[in-house]
Amino acid sequence: MNQALVCAKRAFEHDDVPIGAVIVRDGKIIARGENQVQKRKNPTLHAEIVAINRACKKLGTKFLDGCDIYVSLEPCAMCATAISFARMNNVFFAAPDEKGGGITSNSKIYDTDKHLWKPNVHQMHEYADQSAKMLRDFFALRRKKQ
């Protein structure tokens, strides 16, 4: 999770919402991603999507069986669905996202019986404050600039 927070900091530095993701297989990081929505002018380039694309390219496959993803903020519905489609084993997230969360806070997409693949979900509470503070600082700075 520390590495996901490092990725979130990189997103902050290029004026994107500070969210980072890391994909791990067999205890080794195989891909990292940070939000690139503002940087690349693409609303789908969330940290999880960037990391999934990089992991698939590195492994040469469309499925990420045996992989886990660590995310600094609870994934949105789009990212949670992408994680499911990639067939990852576990999702670990630091802070919940009460407005946009797609797993435990809002749309709860894995709660439906019709979802094809359901990863195990774990909140890492010990990192929640650090992630939430980075998000609060980012939005405070954004409001100040406006």
Protein backbone atom coordinates (compact mmCIF):
# COMPACT_ATOMS: atom_id res chain seq x y z
CA MET A 1 0.00 0.00 0.00
CA ASN A 2 2.93 2.32 0.60
CA GLN A 3 3.77 2.11 -3.10
CA ALA A 4 0.16 2.94 -4.05
CA LEU A 5 0.45 6.05 -1.89
CA VAL A 6 3.69 6.98 -3.69
CA CYS A 7 1.78 6.72 -6.98
CA ALA A 8 -0.99 8.88 -5.53
CA LYS A 9 1.58 11.53 -4.69
CA ARG A 10 2.78 11.48 -8.32
CA ALA A 11 -0.80 12.11 -9.47
CA PHE A 12 -1.03 15.05 -7.04
CA GLU A 13 2.18 16.49 -8.51
CA HIS A 14 0.70 16.62 -12.02
CA ASP A 15 -2.64 18.04 -10.80
CA ASP A 16 -4.65 14.84 -10.90
CA VAL A 17 -6.75 13.56 -8.02
CA PRO A 18 -4.17 11.75 -5.86
CA ILE A 19 -5.05 8.11 -6.27
CA GLY A 20 -2.51 5.38 -6.87
CA ALA A 21 -2.68 1.68 -7.61
CA VAL A 22 -0.19 -1.18 -7.54
CA ILE A 23 -0.70 -4.69 -8.90
CA VAL A 24 1.16 -7.53 -7.20
CA ARG A 25 1.71 -11.13 -8.24
CA ASP A 26 3.64 -13.65 -6.14
CA GLY A 27 4.70 -10.89 -3.77
CA LYS A 28 6.26 -8.75 -6.52
CA ILE A 29 4.97 -5.50 -7.98
CA ILE A 30 4.27 -6.00 -11.67
CA ALA A 31 2.56 -2.68 -12.43
CA ARG A 32 1.92 0.74 -10.97
CA GLY A 33 -0.54 3.44 -11.94
CA GLU A 34 -1.65 6.88 -10.88
CA ASN A 35 -4.61 8.96 -11.99
CA GLN A 36 -3.88 10.54 -15.36
CA VAL A 37 -7.29 12.02 -16.16
CA GLN A 38 -6.09 15.64 -16.23
CA LYS A 39 -2.61 14.89 -17.50
CA ARG A 40 -3.80 12.95 -20.55
CA LYS A 41 -7.28 14.51 -20.88
CA ASN A 42 -9.05 11.15 -20.64
CA PRO A 43 -11.79 10.49 -18.05
CA THR A 44 -11.12 6.75 -18.03
CA LEU A 45 -7.47 6.94 -16.97
CA HIS A 46 -8.01 6.22 -13.30
CA ALA A 47 -5.08 4.73 -11.39
CA GLU A 48 -6.56 1.23 -11.46
CA ILE A 49 -7.14 1.31 -15.23
CA VAL A 50 -3.59 2.56 -15.85
CA ALA A 51 -2.16 -0.20 -13.64
CA ILE A 52 -4.35 -2.90 -15.24
CA ASN A 53 -3.28 -1.83 -18.73
CA ARG A 54 0.39 -1.91 -17.73
CA ALA A 55 0.06 -5.31 -16.01
CA CYS A 56 -1.71 -6.87 -18.99
CA LYS A 57 0.93 -5.52 -21.35
CA LYS A 58 3.77 -6.76 -19.15
CA LEU A 59 2.26 -10.24 -18.76
CA GLY A 60 0.97 -10.44 -22.34
CA THR A 61 -2.50 -11.50 -21.20
CA LYS A 62 -5.99 -10.11 -20.77
CA PHE A 63 -6.56 -11.75 -17.39
CA LEU A 64 -4.65 -11.03 -14.20
CA ASP A 65 -5.29 -14.33 -12.43
CA GLY A 66 -3.21 -14.65 -9.29
CA CYS A 67 -2.83 -10.88 -8.98
CA ASP A 68 -3.89 -8.48 -6.24
CA ILE A 69 -4.44 -4.75 -6.55
CA TYR A 70 -3.67 -2.18 -3.85
CA VAL A 71 -5.43 1.17 -4.25
CA SER A 72 -5.15 4.29 -2.12
CA LEU A 73 -8.92 4.96 -2.43
CA GLU A 74 -11.86 2.59 -2.81
CA PRO A 75 -12.31 1.95 -6.55
CA CYS A 76 -15.24 3.53 -8.36
CA ALA A 77 -17.80 1.37 -10.19
CA MET A 78 -15.86 1.59 -13.48
CA CYS A 79 -12.61 0.48 -11.87
CA ALA A 80 -14.25 -2.18 -9.71
CA THR A 81 -15.80 -3.64 -12.86
CA ALA A 82 -12.45 -3.55 -14.67
CA ILE A 83 -10.86 -5.35 -11.71
CA SER A 84 -13.58 -7.99 -11.96
CA PHE A 85 -13.13 -8.35 -15.73
CA ALA A 86 -9.37 -8.76 -15.17
CA ARG A 87 -10.16 -11.55 -12.67
CA MET A 88 -7.88 -10.33 -9.91
CA ASN A 89 -7.94 -12.26 -6.64
CA ASN A 90 -7.96 -9.45 -4.08
CA VAL A 91 -8.66 -5.74 -3.86
CA PHE A 92 -6.98 -3.88 -1.00
CA PHE A 93 -7.90 -0.24 -0.51
CA ALA A 94 -6.93 2.38 2.05
CA ALA A 95 -9.70 4.97 2.32
CA PRO A 96 -13.38 4.43 1.58
CA ASP A 97 -15.05 6.74 -0.97
CA GLU A 98 -18.54 7.50 0.28
CA LYS A 99 -19.51 9.46 -2.84
CA GLY A 100 -17.89 7.54 -5.65
CA GLY A 101 -16.96 4.17 -4.19
CA GLY A 102 -18.04 1.18 -6.20
CA ILE A 103 -17.42 -1.63 -3.74
CA THR A 104 -18.43 -0.88 -0.15
CA SER A 105 -19.60 2.72 -0.02
CA ASN A 106 -21.96 3.46 -2.87
CA SER A 107 -22.87 1.22 -5.81
CA LYS A 108 -21.52 -2.01 -4.25
CA ILE A 109 -21.18 -3.74 -7.59
CA TYR A 110 -19.83 -7.00 -6.20
CA ASP A 111 -22.99 -7.51 -4.13
CA THR A 112 -24.97 -8.71 -7.15
CA ASP A 113 -25.20 -12.41 -7.95
CA LYS A 114 -24.87 -11.56 -11.63
CA HIS A 115 -21.32 -10.32 -11.37
CA LEU A 116 -19.08 -12.79 -13.16
CA TRP A 117 -15.97 -12.52 -10.99
CA LYS A 118 -15.88 -11.35 -7.41
CA PRO A 119 -12.49 -10.58 -5.93
CA ASN A 120 -12.00 -10.63 -2.19
CA VAL A 121 -12.15 -7.10 -0.79
CA HIS A 122 -10.11 -5.79 2.11
CA GLN A 123 -9.91 -2.31 3.56
CA MET A 124 -6.51 -1.48 5.03
CA HIS A 125 -7.68 0.88 7.76
CA GLU A 126 -4.14 1.67 8.89
CA TYR A 127 -3.57 3.64 5.63
CA ALA A 128 -6.97 5.33 5.43
CA ASP A 129 -6.00 8.55 7.23
CA GLN A 130 -2.88 9.08 5.14
CA SER A 131 -4.81 8.61 1.89
CA ALA A 132 -7.74 10.77 3.01
CA LYS A 133 -5.40 13.56 4.12
CA MET A 134 -3.72 13.64 0.71
CA LEU A 135 -7.15 13.90 -0.95
CA ARG A 136 -8.29 16.67 1.44
CA ASP A 137 -5.08 18.61 0.83
CA PHE A 138 -5.47 18.26 -2.93
CA PHE A 139 -9.04 19.55 -2.98
CA ALA A 140 -8.25 22.37 -0.53
CA LEU A 141 -5.43 23.50 -2.81
CA ARG A 142 -7.70 23.24 -5.86
CA ARG A 143 -10.39 25.37 -4.15
CA LYS A 144 -7.74 27.92 -3.15
CA LYS A 145 -6.51 28.21 -6.76
CA GLN A 146 -10.06 28.93 -7.95
